[in-house]
Structure formats: C-alpha cells, structure tokens
PDB file of N, CA and C in Angstrom:
ATOM      1  N   UNK A   1      -9.222   4.509 -12.708  1.00  0.00           N
ATOM      2  CA  UNK A   1      -8.728   3.193 -12.437  1.00  0.00           C
ATOM      3  C   UNK A   1      -7.396   3.316 -11.710  1.00  0.00           C
ATOM      4  N   UNK A   2      -7.171   2.419 -10.802  1.00  0.00           N
ATOM      5  CA  UNK A   2      -5.920   2.381 -10.064  1.00  0.00           C
ATOM      6  C   UNK A   2      -5.397   0.950 -10.075  1.00  0.00           C
ATOM      7  N   UNK A   3      -4.149   0.785 -10.458  1.00  0.00           N
ATOM      8  CA  UNK A   3      -3.570  -0.556 -10.422  1.00  0.00           C
ATOM      9  C   UNK A   3      -2.072  -0.448 -10.227  1.00  0.00           C
ATOM     10  N   UNK A   4      -1.498  -1.490  -9.649  1.00  0.00           N
ATOM     11  CA  UNK A   4      -0.058  -1.521  -9.456  1.00  0.00           C
ATOM     12  C   UNK A   4       0.629  -1.674 -10.804  1.00  0.00           C
ATOM     13  N   UNK A   5       1.776  -1.055 -10.957  1.00  0.00           N
ATOM     14  CA  UNK A   5       2.476  -1.080 -12.236  1.00  0.00           C
ATOM     15  C   UNK A   5       3.073  -2.438 -12.566  1.00  0.00           C
ATOM     16  N   UNK A   6       3.251  -3.267 -11.568  1.00  0.00           N
ATOM     17  CA  UNK A   6       3.892  -4.557 -11.821  1.00  0.00           C
ATOM     18  C   UNK A   6       2.946  -5.607 -12.382  1.00  0.00           C
ATOM     19  N   UNK A   7       1.682  -5.330 -12.454  1.00  0.00           N
ATOM     20  CA  UNK A   7       0.720  -6.297 -12.982  1.00  0.00           C
ATOM     21  C   UNK A   7       0.226  -7.253 -11.923  1.00  0.00           C
ATOM     22  N   UNK A   8      -0.293  -8.382 -12.354  1.00  0.00           N
ATOM     23  CA  UNK A   8      -0.967  -9.301 -11.433  1.00  0.00           C
ATOM     24  C   UNK A   8      -0.052 -10.359 -10.826  1.00  0.00           C
ATOM     25  N   UNK A   9       1.180 -10.480 -11.287  1.00  0.00           N
ATOM     26  CA  UNK A   9       2.165 -11.438 -10.767  1.00  0.00           C
ATOM     27  C   UNK A   9       1.595 -12.856 -10.676  1.00  0.00           C
ATOM     28  N   UNK A  10       1.157 -13.423 -11.802  1.00  0.00           N
ATOM     29  CA  UNK A  10       0.545 -14.745 -11.767  1.00  0.00           C
ATOM     30  C   UNK A  10       1.478 -15.847 -11.263  1.00  0.00           C
ATOM     31  N   UNK A  11       2.795 -15.639 -11.370  1.00  0.00           N
ATOM     32  CA  UNK A  11       3.738 -16.650 -10.916  1.00  0.00           C
ATOM     33  C   UNK A  11       3.732 -16.838  -9.392  1.00  0.00           C
ATOM     34  N   UNK A  12       3.209 -15.852  -8.666  1.00  0.00           N
ATOM     35  CA  UNK A  12       3.134 -15.999  -7.208  1.00  0.00           C
ATOM     36  C   UNK A  12       1.696 -15.915  -6.681  1.00  0.00           C
ATOM     37  N   UNK A  13       0.741 -16.039  -7.597  1.00  0.00           N
ATOM     38  CA  UNK A  13      -0.677 -15.967  -7.212  1.00  0.00           C
ATOM     39  C   UNK A  13      -0.993 -17.002  -6.144  1.00  0.00           C
ATOM     40  N   UNK A  14      -1.834 -16.634  -5.227  1.00  0.00           N
ATOM     41  CA  UNK A  14      -2.359 -17.429  -4.108  1.00  0.00           C
ATOM     42  C   UNK A  14      -1.285 -17.949  -3.148  1.00  0.00           C
ATOM     43  N   UNK A  15      -0.071 -17.426  -3.227  1.00  0.00           N
ATOM     44  CA  UNK A  15       0.983 -17.867  -2.309  1.00  0.00           C
ATOM     45  C   UNK A  15       1.131 -16.928  -1.119  1.00  0.00           C
ATOM     46  N   UNK A  16       0.449 -15.772  -1.137  1.00  0.00           N
ATOM     47  CA  UNK A  16       0.463 -14.801  -0.041  1.00  0.00           C
ATOM     48  C   UNK A  16       1.873 -14.278   0.237  1.00  0.00           C
ATOM     49  N   UNK A  17       2.654 -14.070  -0.832  1.00  0.00           N
ATOM     50  CA  UNK A  17       4.019 -13.580  -0.665  1.00  0.00           C
ATOM     51  C   UNK A  17       4.276 -12.272  -1.426  1.00  0.00           C
ATOM     52  N   UNK A  18       3.289 -11.776  -2.142  1.00  0.00           N
ATOM     53  CA  UNK A  18       3.472 -10.549  -2.923  1.00  0.00           C
ATOM     54  C   UNK A  18       3.583  -9.340  -2.002  1.00  0.00           C
ATOM     55  N   UNK A  19       4.408  -8.408  -2.400  1.00  0.00           N
ATOM     56  CA  UNK A  19       4.543  -7.151  -1.679  1.00  0.00           C
ATOM     57  C   UNK A  19       3.351  -6.263  -2.066  1.00  0.00           C
ATOM     58  N   UNK A  20       2.523  -5.844  -1.093  1.00  0.00           N
ATOM     59  CA  UNK A  20       1.337  -5.043  -1.419  1.00  0.00           C
ATOM     60  C   UNK A  20       1.614  -3.550  -1.589  1.00  0.00           C
ATOM     61  N   UNK A  21       2.872  -3.150  -1.457  1.00  0.00           N
ATOM     62  CA  UNK A  21       3.221  -1.734  -1.508  1.00  0.00           C
ATOM     63  C   UNK A  21       2.679  -1.036  -2.755  1.00  0.00           C
ATOM     64  N   UNK A  22       2.976  -1.577  -3.930  1.00  0.00           N
ATOM     65  CA  UNK A  22       2.594  -0.906  -5.185  1.00  0.00           C
ATOM     66  C   UNK A  22       1.079  -0.741  -5.303  1.00  0.00           C
ATOM     67  N   UNK A  23       0.354  -1.757  -4.926  1.00  0.00           N
ATOM     68  CA  UNK A  23      -1.105  -1.672  -5.035  1.00  0.00           C
ATOM     69  C   UNK A  23      -1.672  -0.650  -4.044  1.00  0.00           C
ATOM     70  N   UNK A  24      -1.179  -0.682  -2.813  1.00  0.00           N
ATOM     71  CA  UNK A  24      -1.656   0.273  -1.800  1.00  0.00           C
ATOM     72  C   UNK A  24      -1.307   1.697  -2.210  1.00  0.00           C
ATOM     73  N   UNK A  25      -0.084   1.900  -2.683  1.00  0.00           N
ATOM     74  CA  UNK A  25       0.325   3.247  -3.059  1.00  0.00           C
ATOM     75  C   UNK A  25      -0.347   3.714  -4.357  1.00  0.00           C
ATOM     76  N   UNK A  26      -0.763   2.803  -5.204  1.00  0.00           N
ATOM     77  CA  UNK A  26      -1.565   3.193  -6.369  1.00  0.00           C
ATOM     78  C   UNK A  26      -2.903   3.765  -5.905  1.00  0.00           C
ATOM     79  N   UNK A  27      -3.497   3.134  -4.905  1.00  0.00           N
ATOM     80  CA  UNK A  27      -4.729   3.663  -4.319  1.00  0.00           C
ATOM     81  C   UNK A  27      -4.491   5.022  -3.676  1.00  0.00           C
ATOM     82  N   UNK A  28      -3.356   5.152  -3.002  1.00  0.00           N
ATOM     83  CA  UNK A  28      -2.998   6.423  -2.370  1.00  0.00           C
ATOM     84  C   UNK A  28      -2.898   7.526  -3.419  1.00  0.00           C
ATOM     85  N   UNK A  29      -2.251   7.218  -4.554  1.00  0.00           N
ATOM     86  CA  UNK A  29      -2.121   8.213  -5.625  1.00  0.00           C
ATOM     87  C   UNK A  29      -3.470   8.558  -6.245  1.00  0.00           C
ATOM     88  N   UNK A  30      -4.371   7.590  -6.304  1.00  0.00           N
ATOM     89  CA  UNK A  30      -5.708   7.855  -6.816  1.00  0.00           C
ATOM     90  C   UNK A  30      -6.445   8.829  -5.891  1.00  0.00           C
ATOM     91  N   UNK A  31      -6.358   8.602  -4.578  1.00  0.00           N
ATOM     92  CA  UNK A  31      -6.970   9.540  -3.632  1.00  0.00           C
ATOM     93  C   UNK A  31      -6.353  10.932  -3.765  1.00  0.00           C
ATOM     94  N   UNK A  32      -5.034  10.984  -3.914  1.00  0.00           N
ATOM     95  CA  UNK A  32      -4.347  12.265  -4.059  1.00  0.00           C
ATOM     96  C   UNK A  32      -4.836  12.998  -5.311  1.00  0.00           C
ATOM     97  N   UNK A  33      -4.942  12.269  -6.415  1.00  0.00           N
ATOM     98  CA  UNK A  33      -5.424  12.855  -7.665  1.00  0.00           C
ATOM     99  C   UNK A  33      -6.865  13.343  -7.506  1.00  0.00           C
ATOM    100  N   UNK A  34      -7.718  12.517  -6.902  1.00  0.00           N
ATOM    101  CA  UNK A  34      -9.110  12.922  -6.705  1.00  0.00           C
ATOM    102  C   UNK A  34      -9.207  14.179  -5.847  1.00  0.00           C
ATOM    103  N   UNK A  35      -8.352  14.255  -4.830  1.00  0.00           N
ATOM    104  CA  UNK A  35      -8.331  15.443  -3.980  1.00  0.00           C
ATOM    105  C   UNK A  35      -8.017  16.703  -4.764  1.00  0.00           C
ATOM    106  N   UNK A  36      -7.031  16.592  -5.661  1.00  0.00           N
ATOM    107  CA  UNK A  36      -6.661  17.750  -6.482  1.00  0.00           C
ATOM    108  C   UNK A  36      -7.700  18.032  -7.554  1.00  0.00           C
ATOM    109  N   UNK A  37      -8.096  17.001  -8.277  1.00  0.00           N
ATOM    110  CA  UNK A  37      -9.009  17.158  -9.420  1.00  0.00           C
ATOM    111  C   UNK A  37     -10.383  17.670  -9.000  1.00  0.00           C
ATOM    112  N   UNK A  38     -10.886  17.139  -7.899  1.00  0.00           N
ATOM    113  CA  UNK A  38     -12.231  17.487  -7.452  1.00  0.00           C
ATOM    114  C   UNK A  38     -12.248  18.461  -6.265  1.00  0.00           C
ATOM    115  N   UNK A  39     -11.054  18.897  -5.875  1.00  0.00           N
ATOM    116  CA  UNK A  39     -10.933  19.772  -4.713  1.00  0.00           C
ATOM    117  C   UNK A  39     -11.657  19.160  -3.511  1.00  0.00           C
ATOM    118  N   UNK A  40     -11.338  17.896  -3.253  1.00  0.00           N
ATOM    119  CA  UNK A  40     -12.014  17.125  -2.203  1.00  0.00           C
ATOM    120  C   UNK A  40     -11.054  16.890  -1.035  1.00  0.00           C
ATOM    121  N   UNK A  41     -11.233  17.630   0.061  1.00  0.00           N
ATOM    122  CA  UNK A  41     -10.325  17.521   1.198  1.00  0.00           C
ATOM    123  C   UNK A  41     -10.299  16.127   1.838  1.00  0.00           C
ATOM    124  N   UNK A  42     -11.406  15.408   1.800  1.00  0.00           N
ATOM    125  CA  UNK A  42     -11.421  14.067   2.390  1.00  0.00           C
ATOM    126  C   UNK A  42     -10.537  13.102   1.597  1.00  0.00           C
ATOM    127  N   UNK A  43     -10.520  13.232   0.295  1.00  0.00           N
ATOM    128  CA  UNK A  43      -9.655  12.390  -0.534  1.00  0.00           C
ATOM    129  C   UNK A  43      -8.190  12.733  -0.285  1.00  0.00           C
ATOM    130  N   UNK A  44      -7.892  14.023  -0.177  1.00  0.00           N
ATOM    131  CA  UNK A  44      -6.532  14.454   0.117  1.00  0.00           C
ATOM    132  C   UNK A  44      -6.087  13.943   1.476  1.00  0.00           C
ATOM    133  N   UNK A  45      -6.956  14.011   2.455  1.00  0.00           N
ATOM    134  CA  UNK A  45      -6.632  13.508   3.799  1.00  0.00           C
ATOM    135  C   UNK A  45      -6.411  11.996   3.781  1.00  0.00           C
ATOM    136  N   UNK A  46      -7.226  11.285   3.021  1.00  0.00           N
ATOM    137  CA  UNK A  46      -7.061   9.836   2.906  1.00  0.00           C
ATOM    138  C   UNK A  46      -5.710   9.505   2.282  1.00  0.00           C
ATOM    139  N   UNK A  47      -5.317  10.252   1.262  1.00  0.00           N
ATOM    140  CA  UNK A  47      -4.017  10.041   0.618  1.00  0.00           C
ATOM    141  C   UNK A  47      -2.883  10.264   1.608  1.00  0.00           C
ATOM    142  N   UNK A  48      -2.984  11.305   2.395  1.00  0.00           N
ATOM    143  CA  UNK A  48      -1.945  11.609   3.378  1.00  0.00           C
ATOM    144  C   UNK A  48      -1.865  10.530   4.455  1.00  0.00           C
ATOM    145  N   UNK A  49      -3.009  10.040   4.894  1.00  0.00           N
ATOM    146  CA  UNK A  49      -3.019   8.987   5.920  1.00  0.00           C
ATOM    147  C   UNK A  49      -2.436   7.688   5.389  1.00  0.00           C
ATOM    148  N   UNK A  50      -2.773   7.336   4.148  1.00  0.00           N
ATOM    149  CA  UNK A  50      -2.209   6.128   3.544  1.00  0.00           C
ATOM    150  C   UNK A  50      -0.697   6.239   3.410  1.00  0.00           C
ATOM    151  N   UNK A  51      -0.215   7.360   2.932  1.00  0.00           N
ATOM    152  CA  UNK A  51       1.229   7.557   2.767  1.00  0.00           C
ATOM    153  C   UNK A  51       1.944   7.483   4.112  1.00  0.00           C
ATOM    154  N   UNK A  52       1.388   8.120   5.122  1.00  0.00           N
ATOM    155  CA  UNK A  52       2.002   8.098   6.452  1.00  0.00           C
ATOM    156  C   UNK A  52       1.996   6.686   7.042  1.00  0.00           C
ATOM    157  N   UNK A  53       0.911   5.961   6.832  1.00  0.00           N
ATOM    158  CA  UNK A  53       0.822   4.593   7.340  1.00  0.00           C
ATOM    159  C   UNK A  53       1.872   3.704   6.678  1.00  0.00           C
ATOM    160  N   UNK A  54       2.025   3.829   5.379  1.00  0.00           N
ATOM    161  CA  UNK A  54       3.025   3.021   4.683  1.00  0.00           C
ATOM    162  C   UNK A  54       4.419   3.398   5.138  1.00  0.00           C
ATOM    163  N   UNK A  55       4.692   4.687   5.269  1.00  0.00           N
ATOM    164  CA  UNK A  55       5.998   5.133   5.762  1.00  0.00           C
ATOM    165  C   UNK A  55       6.303   4.521   7.125  1.00  0.00           C
ATOM    166  N   UNK A  56       5.305   4.489   7.995  1.00  0.00           N
ATOM    167  CA  UNK A  56       5.483   3.935   9.341  1.00  0.00           C
ATOM    168  C   UNK A  56       5.802   2.442   9.282  1.00  0.00           C
ATOM    169  N   UNK A  57       5.057   1.701   8.484  1.00  0.00           N
ATOM    170  CA  UNK A  57       5.285   0.255   8.376  1.00  0.00           C
ATOM    171  C   UNK A  57       6.680  -0.030   7.819  1.00  0.00           C
ATOM    172  N   UNK A  58       7.078   0.707   6.799  1.00  0.00           N
ATOM    173  CA  UNK A  58       8.409   0.515   6.215  1.00  0.00           C
ATOM    174  C   UNK A  58       9.491   0.873   7.237  1.00  0.00           C
ATOM    175  N   UNK A  59       9.337   1.986   7.929  1.00  0.00           N
ATOM    176  CA  UNK A  59      10.344   2.427   8.904  1.00  0.00           C
ATOM    177  C   UNK A  59      10.473   1.458  10.080  1.00  0.00           C
ATOM    178  N   UNK A  60       9.347   0.927  10.539  1.00  0.00           N
ATOM    179  CA  UNK A  60       9.383  -0.013  11.672  1.00  0.00           C
ATOM    180  C   UNK A  60      10.009  -1.346  11.280  1.00  0.00           C
ATOM    181  N   UNK A  61       9.862  -1.729  10.010  1.00  0.00           N
ATOM    182  CA  UNK A  61      10.465  -2.952   9.449  1.00  0.00           C
ATOM    183  C   UNK A  61      10.082  -4.233  10.189  1.00  0.00           C
ATOM    184  N   UNK A  62       8.902  -4.271  10.796  1.00  0.00           N
ATOM    185  CA  UNK A  62       8.448  -5.480  11.485  1.00  0.00           C
ATOM    186  C   UNK A  62       7.515  -6.323  10.639  1.00  0.00           C
ATOM    187  N   UNK A  63       6.858  -5.716   9.668  1.00  0.00           N
ATOM    188  CA  UNK A  63       5.868  -6.420   8.838  1.00  0.00           C
ATOM    189  C   UNK A  63       6.181  -6.219   7.363  1.00  0.00           C
ATOM    190  N   UNK A  64       7.372  -6.627   6.964  1.00  0.00           N
ATOM    191  CA  UNK A  64       7.786  -6.472   5.578  1.00  0.00           C
ATOM    192  C   UNK A  64       7.823  -7.827   4.889  1.00  0.00           C
ATOM    193  N   UNK A  65       7.493  -7.820   3.612  1.00  0.00           N
ATOM    194  CA  UNK A  65       7.544  -9.050   2.824  1.00  0.00           C
ATOM    195  C   UNK A  65       9.005  -9.408   2.528  1.00  0.00           C
ATOM    196  N   UNK A  66       9.222 -10.611   2.056  1.00  0.00           N
ATOM    197  CA  UNK A  66      10.578 -11.133   1.847  1.00  0.00           C
ATOM    198  C   UNK A  66      11.418 -10.268   0.911  1.00  0.00           C
ATOM    199  N   UNK A  67      10.807  -9.696  -0.122  1.00  0.00           N
ATOM    200  CA  UNK A  67      11.572  -8.870  -1.055  1.00  0.00           C
ATOM    201  C   UNK A  67      12.117  -7.607  -0.411  1.00  0.00           C
ATOM    202  N   UNK A  68      11.570  -7.251   0.750  1.00  0.00           N
ATOM    203  CA  UNK A  68      12.040  -6.083   1.500  1.00  0.00           C
ATOM    204  C   UNK A  68      12.893  -6.505   2.699  1.00  0.00           C
ATOM    205  N   UNK A  69      13.230  -7.786   2.770  1.00  0.00           N
ATOM    206  CA  UNK A  69      14.073  -8.279   3.851  1.00  0.00           C
ATOM    207  C   UNK A  69      13.325  -8.782   5.065  1.00  0.00           C
ATOM    208  N   UNK A  70      12.010  -8.879   4.966  1.00  0.00           N
ATOM    209  CA  UNK A  70      11.215  -9.346   6.096  1.00  0.00           C
ATOM    210  C   UNK A  70      10.696 -10.753   5.893  1.00  0.00           C
ATOM    211  N   UNK A  71       9.785 -11.140   6.761  1.00  0.00           N
ATOM    212  CA  UNK A  71       9.195 -12.474   6.692  1.00  0.00           C
ATOM    213  C   UNK A  71       7.672 -12.438   6.675  1.00  0.00           C
ATOM    214  N   UNK A  72       7.101 -11.248   6.521  1.00  0.00           N
ATOM    215  CA  UNK A  72       5.645 -11.100   6.559  1.00  0.00           C
ATOM    216  C   UNK A  72       5.004 -11.564   5.259  1.00  0.00           C
ATOM    217  N   UNK A  73       3.769 -12.007   5.383  1.00  0.00           N
ATOM    218  CA  UNK A  73       2.979 -12.347   4.201  1.00  0.00           C
ATOM    219  C   UNK A  73       2.361 -11.075   3.627  1.00  0.00           C
ATOM    220  N   UNK A  74       1.764 -11.211   2.477  1.00  0.00           N
ATOM    221  CA  UNK A  74       1.032 -10.098   1.877  1.00  0.00           C
ATOM    222  C   UNK A  74      -0.025  -9.586   2.847  1.00  0.00           C
ATOM    223  N   UNK A  75      -0.768 -10.520   3.414  1.00  0.00           N
ATOM    224  CA  UNK A  75      -1.842 -10.181   4.342  1.00  0.00           C
ATOM    225  C   UNK A  75      -1.308  -9.468   5.578  1.00  0.00           C
ATOM    226  N   UNK A  76      -0.212  -9.948   6.124  1.00  0.00           N
ATOM    227  CA  UNK A  76       0.354  -9.337   7.335  1.00  0.00           C
ATOM    228  C   UNK A  76       0.834  -7.913   7.069  1.00  0.00           C
ATOM    229  N   UNK A  77       1.485  -7.702   5.938  1.00  0.00           N
ATOM    230  CA  UNK A  77       1.936  -6.349   5.626  1.00  0.00           C
ATOM    231  C   UNK A  77       0.748  -5.418   5.375  1.00  0.00           C
ATOM    232  N   UNK A  78      -0.225  -5.906   4.624  1.00  0.00           N
ATOM    233  CA  UNK A  78      -1.425  -5.102   4.372  1.00  0.00           C
ATOM    234  C   UNK A  78      -2.168  -4.765   5.648  1.00  0.00           C
ATOM    235  N   UNK A  79      -2.257  -5.740   6.536  1.00  0.00           N
ATOM    236  CA  UNK A  79      -2.927  -5.505   7.828  1.00  0.00           C
ATOM    237  C   UNK A  79      -2.160  -4.508   8.677  1.00  0.00           C
ATOM    238  N   UNK A  80      -0.827  -4.534   8.603  1.00  0.00           N
ATOM    239  CA  UNK A  80      -0.024  -3.575   9.353  1.00  0.00           C
ATOM    240  C   UNK A  80      -0.268  -2.162   8.844  1.00  0.00           C
ATOM    241  N   UNK A  81      -0.390  -2.003   7.539  1.00  0.00           N
ATOM    242  CA  UNK A  81      -0.687  -0.687   6.966  1.00  0.00           C
ATOM    243  C   UNK A  81      -2.079  -0.229   7.415  1.00  0.00           C
ATOM    244  N   UNK A  82      -3.039  -1.120   7.348  1.00  0.00           N
ATOM    245  CA  UNK A  82      -4.408  -0.786   7.780  1.00  0.00           C
ATOM    246  C   UNK A  82      -4.432  -0.380   9.246  1.00  0.00           C
ATOM    247  N   UNK A  83      -3.691  -1.094  10.079  1.00  0.00           N
ATOM    248  CA  UNK A  83      -3.645  -0.772  11.511  1.00  0.00           C
ATOM    249  C   UNK A  83      -2.975   0.581  11.750  1.00  0.00           C
ATOM    250  N   UNK A  84      -1.994   0.934  10.926  1.00  0.00           N
ATOM    251  CA  UNK A  84      -1.298   2.204  11.085  1.00  0.00           C
ATOM    252  C   UNK A  84      -2.163   3.396  10.686  1.00  0.00           C
ATOM    253  N   UNK A  85      -3.178   3.125   9.885  1.00  0.00           N
ATOM    254  CA  UNK A  85      -4.081   4.214   9.474  1.00  0.00           C
ATOM    255  C   UNK A  85      -4.900   4.647  10.674  1.00  0.00           C
TER     256      UNK A  85
END
C-alpha cells in the first residue's frame, strides 16, 4: 500500500488546491521498494524517473501549488510532473 502521510485532507477536498507532492512521492517510494525487494529493474527505473520529474517541476517553479509559493492547482502540478516523465 502507498499513501501520503498527511492523510486525505478533507478540509480541502474537491477544491483542487492540495499539493500532490506527498502522494506522488509515496508512489515513487513504493516503486523504489519494489525494485529492491523484487530485484525489478523496471520498478527501480520508474522510481528514478518519478524522482527526477518531481525535482524538475520543483526546480522550475512554474507549476507549484500555493503552499509552495505558486498558483497551480493540484491537477496542474500533477500534469507537470507527468509531462516531465
């Protein structure tokens, strides 16, 4: 199971303002663990690509949610990470 440590954030549900970082990086850590546990190079590669994509989005600072000083929605930040992959 993979989940963000902050929980479901019901106070901001359906407002499209949540920072997707924790959830995306939880998935990244799951791929990393699977790569090590199962000796699966594709999972390890997926983990590396996710981490690099997130690093790129954060460094560019064009698609960040408000809590990170940006104006992007949850969807926009998530889409930027997906595009960086």
